[in-house]
Amino acid sequence: MQYRNDRRGNPLSQLGFGCMRFERSMGKTDIALAEKQLMAALKAGVNYFDTAYVYGDSEAVIGEIFQRNHCRDQLHIATKLPHYLLRKPGDIERYFSEQLSRLRTDYVDYYLMHMLPDLTTWNRLKSLGVLDWIAEKKASGAIRNIGFSYHGNTASFISLLEDYDWDFCQIQYNYIDEHTQAGRRGLERAHEMGIPVIIMEPLRGGRLVNALPEKALRRFQAAKPSRSPAEWGLCWLWNQPEVTVVLSGMNTLDMVEENCRIADQAMPGQLSEEDFQMYEDVKAAINEKIKVGCTGCGYCMPCPMGVDIPGSFRCYNARYTEGFYTGMKEYFMCTTLRGKLSSASQCIKCGKCESHCPQSIPIRRELENVVRVMENPVYHAAKGIAKLVGKF
């Protein structure tokens, strides 16, 4: 296993275990199977295990397994504060105490603000006393490192990075999302600031393995050396020294063994110019179904009405390249579950964006299409529910 250091010089396995999707039996996590997988990963050198309050019974499962195997001091647990459920200052401590109980531990190695979308939401947490609370927990050792996970655009990500002395952060990043979400620019900014970056969705929930178009598969198969699409996707990430840990939601022993083998061999700088051309060919094959040729450059931003134009187009395109559920989920997370709405329907057709677009995209017309397709009855129902439970 290869390791990369956190901010304090502690070695983290460059492969992390994402604990959101354990196999289930009779409606519950198959604990015996999960134990085999977790312990096989630990034995192979994985020392970073990621969960969250809202991942079903995940916290309780790994707490039980790690306690039974007496291995807490051999690994790092990362879990997340569900800030979107907070109503009053005391809720922060209440949720954290519950998480410690579930995890059967008295400290969390890496604690994240879960899906922190923007400065507006972060400022709300400050108003609930989160800064003093974090300081107290770090002083007592109950939290070793504080960070946040993020879905959204590059500018908001960098604003969050620069607003607080974070120990680490977690972003969605892969060869398709290179210039969207936090993107390469966000990754490099975090690295410049000395902030370790944890990668989620390295294979877009398996879609960069199981949902590739035939042309993309053939391109991978023709490449040398011979690697699976999953291995090519992971190697693209580990080729970058700015990446600290790559999370994989491993739910079979074969997957654990394969990913650990790859992580044992992958090194920064190992890819060639021919390899990078192959990735470009694969991306072109994946993007043949896209509706808007937006490169995510951001020249159209900022929108005076707050529309996340590149983000809206990215999710709209994902609706056609990766399916209805993926596109809708990402559109809702990245434009609607925010302190201030950034959805396409905020557009007032002023045209300022179009004068700056190097691709000459008819942005106003395309945003109308985004509204028509993405802000459908399912979207409005989800938005109504989110308002009822106070998520924004």
Protein backbone atom coordinates (compact mmCIF):
# COMPACT_ATOMS: atom_id res chain seq x y z
CA MET A 1 0.00 0.00 0.00
CA GLN A 2 1.25 3.47 -0.87
CA TYR A 3 0.76 6.26 1.70
CA ARG A 4 0.48 10.04 1.51
CA ASN A 5 0.76 12.32 4.53
CA ASP A 6 -1.90 14.48 6.13
CA ARG A 7 -1.19 18.00 7.35
CA ARG A 8 0.60 16.75 10.47
CA GLY A 9 2.73 14.19 8.67
CA ASN A 10 0.57 11.19 9.56
CA PRO A 11 0.60 8.58 6.76
CA LEU A 12 -2.80 7.90 5.17
CA SER A 13 -3.34 4.99 2.80
CA GLN A 14 -3.90 6.43 -0.65
CA LEU A 15 -6.86 4.04 -0.93
CA GLY A 16 -9.65 4.74 1.55
CA PHE A 17 -12.69 2.56 2.27
CA GLY A 18 -15.99 4.32 1.57
CA CYS A 19 -18.51 2.76 3.96
CA MET A 20 -21.79 4.00 2.46
CA ARG A 21 -22.83 0.95 0.44
CA PHE A 22 -22.32 -2.29 2.36
CA GLU A 23 -24.15 -5.33 0.99
CA ARG A 24 -27.54 -5.82 2.63
CA SER A 25 -29.54 -8.90 3.55
CA MET A 26 -33.17 -8.84 4.72
CA GLY A 27 -33.05 -5.05 4.77
CA LYS A 28 -29.98 -4.83 7.01
CA THR A 29 -26.25 -4.65 6.43
CA ASP A 30 -24.70 -8.11 6.17
CA ILE A 31 -22.30 -7.56 9.08
CA ALA A 32 -20.40 -10.81 8.58
CA LEU A 33 -19.63 -9.91 4.97
CA ALA A 34 -18.82 -6.30 5.86
CA GLU A 35 -16.41 -7.55 8.54
CA LYS A 36 -14.55 -9.74 6.06
CA GLN A 37 -14.20 -6.83 3.64
CA LEU A 38 -13.15 -4.23 6.22
CA MET A 39 -10.62 -6.49 7.87
CA ALA A 40 -9.20 -7.63 4.52
CA ALA A 41 -8.71 -3.97 3.60
CA LEU A 42 -7.07 -3.20 6.95
CA LYS A 43 -4.74 -6.19 6.57
CA ALA A 44 -3.77 -4.96 3.08
CA GLY A 45 -2.79 -1.56 4.51
CA VAL A 46 -5.95 0.56 4.19
CA ASN A 47 -6.14 2.82 7.25
CA TYR A 48 -8.79 5.43 6.27
CA PHE A 49 -12.48 4.49 6.66
CA ASP A 50 -15.17 7.01 5.68
CA THR A 51 -18.77 7.02 6.91
CA ALA A 52 -21.48 9.57 7.84
CA TYR A 53 -24.42 10.06 10.18
CA VAL A 54 -26.91 9.63 7.32
CA TYR A 55 -25.35 6.46 5.82
CA GLY A 56 -27.99 4.18 7.34
CA ASP A 57 -26.42 1.85 9.91
CA SER A 58 -22.88 2.34 8.60
CA GLU A 59 -21.49 4.08 11.70
CA ALA A 60 -22.90 1.40 13.99
CA VAL A 61 -21.64 -1.41 11.75
CA ILE A 62 -18.05 -0.24 11.59
CA GLY A 63 -18.11 0.64 15.29
CA GLU A 64 -19.14 -2.91 16.16
CA ILE A 65 -16.62 -4.49 13.79
CA PHE A 66 -13.63 -2.42 14.83
CA GLN A 67 -14.39 -2.85 18.53
CA ARG A 68 -14.75 -6.63 18.16
CA ASN A 69 -11.42 -6.84 16.35
CA HIS A 70 -9.58 -4.53 18.79
CA CYS A 71 -8.08 -2.47 15.98
CA ARG A 72 -9.21 1.10 16.69
CA ASP A 73 -5.64 2.34 17.13
CA GLN A 74 -4.62 0.91 13.74
CA LEU A 75 -6.97 3.04 11.65
CA HIS A 76 -8.53 6.43 11.05
CA ILE A 77 -12.30 6.97 11.12
CA ALA A 78 -13.83 9.82 9.13
CA THR A 79 -17.46 10.75 9.70
CA LYS A 80 -19.62 13.80 9.10
CA LEU A 81 -21.83 16.29 10.94
CA PRO A 82 -25.33 16.46 9.36
CA HIS A 83 -25.43 20.26 9.61
CA TYR A 84 -28.64 20.34 7.54
CA LEU A 85 -30.46 18.72 10.49
CA LEU A 86 -29.32 21.28 13.05
CA ARG A 87 -31.94 23.60 14.56
CA LYS A 88 -30.25 25.03 17.66
CA PRO A 89 -26.72 25.26 19.09
CA GLY A 90 -27.06 22.20 21.31
CA ASP A 91 -27.82 20.00 18.32
CA ILE A 92 -24.15 19.94 17.28
CA GLU A 93 -23.09 18.23 20.50
CA ARG A 94 -26.15 15.94 20.47
CA TYR A 95 -25.40 14.54 17.02
CA PHE A 96 -21.69 14.21 17.73
CA SER A 97 -22.33 12.32 20.98
CA GLU A 98 -24.67 9.98 19.15
CA GLN A 99 -22.01 9.36 16.51
CA LEU A 100 -19.37 8.52 19.14
CA SER A 101 -21.82 6.06 20.67
CA ARG A 102 -22.54 4.44 17.31
CA LEU A 103 -18.83 4.23 16.48
CA ARG A 104 -17.97 2.88 19.97
CA THR A 105 -15.11 5.32 20.32
CA ASP A 106 -14.27 8.49 22.23
CA TYR A 107 -12.69 10.35 19.31
CA VAL A 108 -13.01 10.87 15.57
CA ASP A 109 -9.85 11.17 13.51
CA TYR A 110 -11.32 13.16 10.61
CA TYR A 111 -14.60 15.02 11.15
CA LEU A 112 -16.35 16.77 8.25
CA MET A 113 -19.11 19.28 7.77
CA HIS A 114 -21.19 17.10 5.45
CA MET A 115 -22.00 18.53 2.01
CA LEU A 116 -21.09 22.08 3.01
CA PRO A 117 -22.36 23.99 -0.04
CA ASP A 118 -21.32 27.62 0.40
CA LEU A 119 -20.29 30.42 2.74
CA THR A 120 -23.93 31.23 3.58
CA THR A 121 -24.40 27.80 5.14
CA TRP A 122 -20.99 27.92 6.83
CA ASN A 123 -21.88 31.32 8.34
CA ARG A 124 -25.12 29.82 9.67
CA LEU A 125 -23.07 27.14 11.40
CA LYS A 126 -20.87 29.84 12.88
CA SER A 127 -23.99 31.50 14.27
CA LEU A 128 -24.78 28.21 16.03
CA GLY A 129 -21.38 28.29 17.74
CA VAL A 130 -19.57 25.73 15.62
CA LEU A 131 -16.17 27.49 15.81
CA ASP A 132 -16.02 27.40 19.62
CA TRP A 133 -17.35 23.84 19.58
CA ILE A 134 -14.64 22.71 17.13
CA ALA A 135 -11.93 24.42 19.21
CA GLU A 136 -13.12 22.66 22.36
CA LYS A 137 -13.29 19.24 20.69
CA LYS A 138 -9.85 19.59 19.14
CA ALA A 139 -8.38 20.73 22.45
CA SER A 140 -9.86 17.69 24.22
CA GLY A 141 -8.79 15.29 21.49
CA ALA A 142 -12.35 14.23 20.65
CA ILE A 143 -11.75 15.50 17.10
CA ARG A 144 -8.27 15.17 15.63
CA ASN A 145 -8.83 16.88 12.24
CA ILE A 146 -11.66 19.09 10.96
CA GLY A 147 -12.75 19.40 7.33
CA PHE A 148 -15.70 19.54 4.99
CA SER A 149 -17.09 17.60 2.04
CA TYR A 150 -18.25 19.50 -1.01
CA HIS A 151 -20.46 19.38 -4.10
CA GLY A 152 -20.70 22.58 -6.11
CA ASN A 153 -18.71 24.98 -8.25
CA THR A 154 -15.03 25.88 -8.04
CA ALA A 155 -15.50 29.46 -6.87
CA SER A 156 -17.64 28.52 -3.85
CA PHE A 157 -15.22 25.73 -2.96
CA ILE A 158 -12.24 28.08 -2.92
CA SER A 159 -14.21 30.62 -0.86
CA LEU A 160 -14.84 27.95 1.77
CA LEU A 161 -11.21 26.83 1.69
CA GLU A 162 -10.01 30.36 2.38
CA ASP A 163 -12.50 31.17 5.14
CA TYR A 164 -11.15 28.82 7.83
CA ASP A 165 -8.00 26.93 8.77
CA TRP A 166 -9.20 23.50 7.59
CA ASP A 167 -7.17 20.36 8.22
CA PHE A 168 -8.52 18.61 5.11
CA CYS A 169 -11.37 18.60 2.61
CA GLN A 170 -13.27 16.10 0.47
CA ILE A 171 -14.37 16.62 -3.13
CA GLN A 172 -15.91 14.76 -6.06
CA TYR A 173 -13.16 14.42 -8.65
CA ASN A 174 -12.40 12.06 -11.53
CA TYR A 175 -11.34 12.29 -15.17
CA ILE A 176 -14.85 13.38 -16.22
CA ASP A 177 -15.16 16.00 -13.44
CA GLU A 178 -11.67 17.42 -14.03
CA HIS A 179 -12.99 20.92 -14.69
CA THR A 180 -16.36 20.79 -12.93
CA GLN A 181 -17.38 20.71 -9.25
CA ALA A 182 -14.29 21.79 -7.24
CA GLY A 183 -12.24 20.61 -10.21
CA ARG A 184 -8.53 20.65 -10.83
CA ARG A 185 -8.34 24.36 -9.95
CA GLY A 186 -9.91 23.67 -6.55
CA LEU A 187 -7.64 20.68 -5.97
CA GLU A 188 -4.56 22.72 -6.79
CA ARG A 189 -5.67 25.61 -4.58
CA ALA A 190 -6.11 23.26 -1.63
CA HIS A 191 -2.66 21.83 -2.29
CA GLU A 192 -1.15 25.33 -2.41
CA MET A 193 -2.69 25.97 1.02
CA GLY A 194 -1.31 22.71 2.40
CA ILE A 195 -4.78 21.19 2.80
CA PRO A 196 -4.99 17.44 2.10
CA VAL A 197 -7.71 16.42 -0.35
CA ILE A 198 -9.84 13.29 -0.03
CA ILE A 199 -11.49 12.15 -3.27
CA MET A 200 -15.03 10.78 -3.45
CA GLU A 201 -16.80 9.42 -6.55
CA PRO A 202 -13.51 8.48 -8.26
CA LEU A 203 -15.48 6.28 -10.67
CA ARG A 204 -18.77 8.19 -10.39
CA GLY A 205 -20.48 5.47 -8.36
CA GLY A 206 -19.23 2.78 -10.75
CA ARG A 207 -20.62 4.47 -13.86
CA LEU A 208 -17.11 4.97 -15.25
CA VAL A 209 -16.88 1.18 -15.16
CA ASN A 210 -20.36 -0.22 -15.74
CA ALA A 211 -22.00 2.46 -17.90
CA LEU A 212 -19.28 3.32 -20.41
CA PRO A 213 -20.27 3.55 -24.09
CA GLU A 214 -18.83 0.85 -26.34
CA LYS A 215 -16.44 3.29 -28.01
CA ALA A 216 -14.92 4.24 -24.65
CA LEU A 217 -14.55 0.60 -23.65
CA ARG A 218 -12.77 -0.22 -26.90
CA ARG A 219 -10.36 2.66 -26.35
CA PHE A 220 -9.47 1.39 -22.87
CA GLN A 221 -9.06 -2.14 -24.19
CA ALA A 222 -6.64 -0.97 -26.89
CA ALA A 223 -4.40 0.88 -24.40
CA LYS A 224 -1.08 -0.44 -23.12
CA PRO A 225 -0.39 -1.62 -20.50
CA SER A 226 -3.58 -3.63 -20.14
CA ARG A 227 -5.72 -2.19 -17.34
CA SER A 228 -9.43 -2.35 -16.51
CA PRO A 229 -11.52 0.85 -16.77
CA ALA A 230 -11.55 0.95 -12.95
CA GLU A 231 -7.76 0.77 -12.78
CA TRP A 232 -7.35 3.47 -15.42
CA GLY A 233 -9.77 5.70 -13.49
CA LEU A 234 -7.94 5.24 -10.19
CA CYS A 235 -4.49 5.64 -11.77
CA TRP A 236 -5.58 8.98 -13.24
CA LEU A 237 -6.16 10.21 -9.68
CA TRP A 238 -3.08 8.72 -8.04
CA ASN A 239 -0.95 10.16 -10.83
CA GLN A 240 -1.58 13.56 -9.18
CA PRO A 241 0.51 14.32 -6.08
CA GLU A 242 -2.17 16.81 -4.93
CA VAL A 243 -4.52 13.88 -4.22
CA THR A 244 -4.15 12.45 -0.70
CA VAL A 245 -6.74 9.64 -0.39
CA VAL A 246 -9.11 8.13 -2.95
CA LEU A 247 -12.27 6.63 -1.46
CA SER A 248 -13.72 3.48 -2.97
CA GLY A 249 -17.08 2.01 -1.95
CA MET A 250 -15.86 -1.59 -1.99
CA ASN A 251 -18.61 -4.15 -1.39
CA THR A 252 -17.00 -7.44 -2.48
CA LEU A 253 -13.78 -9.12 -1.39
CA ASP A 254 -12.66 -9.26 -5.01
CA MET A 255 -13.06 -5.48 -5.25
CA VAL A 256 -11.10 -4.97 -2.03
CA GLU A 257 -8.27 -7.17 -3.27
CA GLU A 258 -8.19 -5.57 -6.73
CA ASN A 259 -8.24 -1.99 -5.46
CA CYS A 260 -5.56 -2.73 -2.87
CA ARG A 261 -3.38 -4.25 -5.61
CA ILE A 262 -3.78 -1.11 -7.73
CA ALA A 263 -3.11 1.16 -4.75
CA ASP A 264 0.05 -0.77 -3.95
CA GLN A 265 1.46 -0.01 -7.41
CA ALA A 266 0.08 3.42 -8.39
CA MET A 267 2.50 6.32 -8.13
CA PRO A 268 2.48 10.04 -9.01
CA GLY A 269 3.80 10.81 -12.47
CA GLN A 270 3.48 7.28 -13.85
CA LEU A 271 1.17 8.14 -16.77
CA SER A 272 2.49 9.00 -20.24
CA GLU A 273 1.39 11.49 -22.87
CA GLU A 274 -0.15 8.57 -24.75
CA ASP A 275 -2.16 7.71 -21.65
CA PHE A 276 -3.49 11.26 -21.36
CA GLN A 277 -4.57 11.19 -25.00
CA MET A 278 -6.43 7.98 -24.28
CA TYR A 279 -8.36 9.69 -21.45
CA GLU A 280 -9.28 12.51 -23.83
CA ASP A 281 -10.56 9.96 -26.37
CA VAL A 282 -12.58 8.21 -23.67
CA LYS A 283 -14.07 11.51 -22.48
CA ALA A 284 -15.01 12.40 -26.06
CA ALA A 285 -16.80 9.07 -26.41
CA ILE A 286 -18.67 9.59 -23.14
CA ASN A 287 -19.61 13.15 -24.07
CA GLU A 288 -21.08 12.32 -27.48
CA LYS A 289 -24.53 12.43 -25.86
CA ILE A 290 -24.09 15.80 -24.18
CA LYS A 291 -26.61 18.52 -24.92
CA VAL A 292 -24.53 21.64 -24.20
CA GLY A 293 -20.87 21.94 -25.17
CA CYS A 294 -19.89 23.74 -21.97
CA THR A 295 -16.27 23.23 -20.94
CA GLY A 296 -16.79 24.55 -17.41
CA CYS A 297 -14.31 27.38 -17.94
CA GLY A 298 -16.43 29.78 -15.85
CA TYR A 299 -15.97 32.87 -18.05
CA CYS A 300 -19.76 33.32 -17.91
CA MET A 301 -19.60 33.78 -14.15
CA PRO A 302 -20.53 35.35 -11.87
CA CYS A 303 -24.18 35.54 -12.84
CA PRO A 304 -25.85 38.65 -11.34
CA MET A 305 -28.78 36.44 -10.26
CA GLY A 306 -26.55 33.74 -8.78
CA VAL A 307 -27.21 31.03 -11.38
CA ASP A 308 -24.52 28.37 -11.38
CA ILE A 309 -24.33 28.26 -15.17
CA PRO A 310 -21.54 25.68 -15.64
CA GLY A 311 -23.00 23.54 -12.85
CA SER A 312 -26.48 23.63 -14.37
CA PHE A 313 -25.13 22.56 -17.75
CA ARG A 314 -23.00 19.82 -16.24
CA CYS A 315 -25.97 18.25 -14.45
CA TYR A 316 -28.18 18.70 -17.52
CA ASN A 317 -25.60 16.85 -19.61
CA ALA A 318 -25.30 14.12 -16.96
CA ARG A 319 -29.04 13.57 -17.32
CA TYR A 320 -28.36 12.31 -20.85
CA THR A 321 -24.94 10.70 -20.45
CA GLU A 322 -25.44 8.99 -17.09
CA GLY A 323 -29.19 8.74 -16.60
CA PHE A 324 -32.17 10.53 -15.08
CA TYR A 325 -31.41 9.79 -11.43
CA THR A 326 -27.77 10.89 -11.59
CA GLY A 327 -28.53 14.14 -13.37
CA MET A 328 -31.41 15.04 -11.07
CA LYS A 329 -29.54 14.17 -7.88
CA GLU A 330 -26.53 16.26 -8.83
CA TYR A 331 -28.65 19.19 -10.02
CA PHE A 332 -30.53 19.21 -6.72
CA MET A 333 -27.36 18.97 -4.61
CA CYS A 334 -25.33 21.50 -6.57
CA THR A 335 -27.91 24.21 -7.28
CA THR A 336 -30.78 23.85 -4.84
CA LEU A 337 -29.51 22.53 -1.49
CA ARG A 338 -27.62 25.75 -0.88
CA GLY A 339 -27.94 28.81 1.29
CA LYS A 340 -28.86 30.75 -1.85
CA LEU A 341 -30.51 29.11 -4.84
CA SER A 342 -28.30 28.85 -7.91
CA SER A 343 -30.71 26.95 -10.16
CA ALA A 344 -31.33 27.79 -13.81
CA SER A 345 -34.78 29.23 -13.11
CA GLN A 346 -33.12 32.23 -11.40
CA CYS A 347 -32.05 33.46 -14.86
CA ILE A 348 -33.62 36.78 -15.96
CA LYS A 349 -32.13 36.58 -19.49
CA CYS A 350 -29.93 39.66 -19.12
CA GLY A 351 -27.39 38.15 -21.55
CA LYS A 352 -24.29 39.22 -19.65
CA CYS A 353 -23.02 35.62 -19.63
CA GLU A 354 -23.25 35.16 -23.40
CA SER A 355 -20.94 38.09 -24.12
CA HIS A 356 -18.13 36.31 -22.23
CA CYS A 357 -18.64 32.70 -23.41
CA PRO A 358 -15.65 31.55 -25.53
CA GLN A 359 -17.77 28.68 -26.89
CA SER A 360 -20.48 31.09 -28.12
CA ILE A 361 -23.13 28.99 -26.37
CA PRO A 362 -26.64 30.51 -26.48
CA ILE A 363 -26.72 30.36 -22.70
CA ARG A 364 -30.13 31.92 -22.14
CA ARG A 365 -31.82 29.48 -24.50
CA GLU A 366 -29.99 26.50 -23.06
CA LEU A 367 -30.88 27.53 -19.50
CA GLU A 368 -34.52 27.48 -20.58
CA ASN A 369 -33.98 23.88 -21.66
CA VAL A 370 -32.37 23.09 -18.32
CA VAL A 371 -35.43 24.47 -16.49
CA ARG A 372 -37.80 22.52 -18.74
CA VAL A 373 -36.00 19.20 -18.28
CA MET A 374 -34.49 19.41 -14.78
CA GLU A 375 -36.98 21.51 -12.82
CA ASN A 376 -39.73 18.98 -13.36
CA PRO A 377 -42.41 17.74 -10.92
CA VAL A 378 -39.90 15.44 -9.21
CA TYR A 379 -37.56 18.39 -8.63
CA HIS A 380 -40.33 20.62 -7.24
CA ALA A 381 -41.56 17.86 -4.92
CA ALA A 382 -38.04 17.35 -3.55
CA LYS A 383 -37.59 21.10 -3.18
CA GLY A 384 -40.84 21.33 -1.22
CA ILE A 385 -39.78 18.52 1.12
CA ALA A 386 -36.38 20.17 1.67
CA LYS A 387 -38.11 23.39 2.65
CA LEU A 388 -40.39 21.58 5.08
CA VAL A 389 -37.49 19.97 6.90
CA GLY A 390 -35.54 23.22 6.86
CA LYS A 391 -32.59 22.21 4.69
CA PHE A 392 -32.47 25.62 3.04
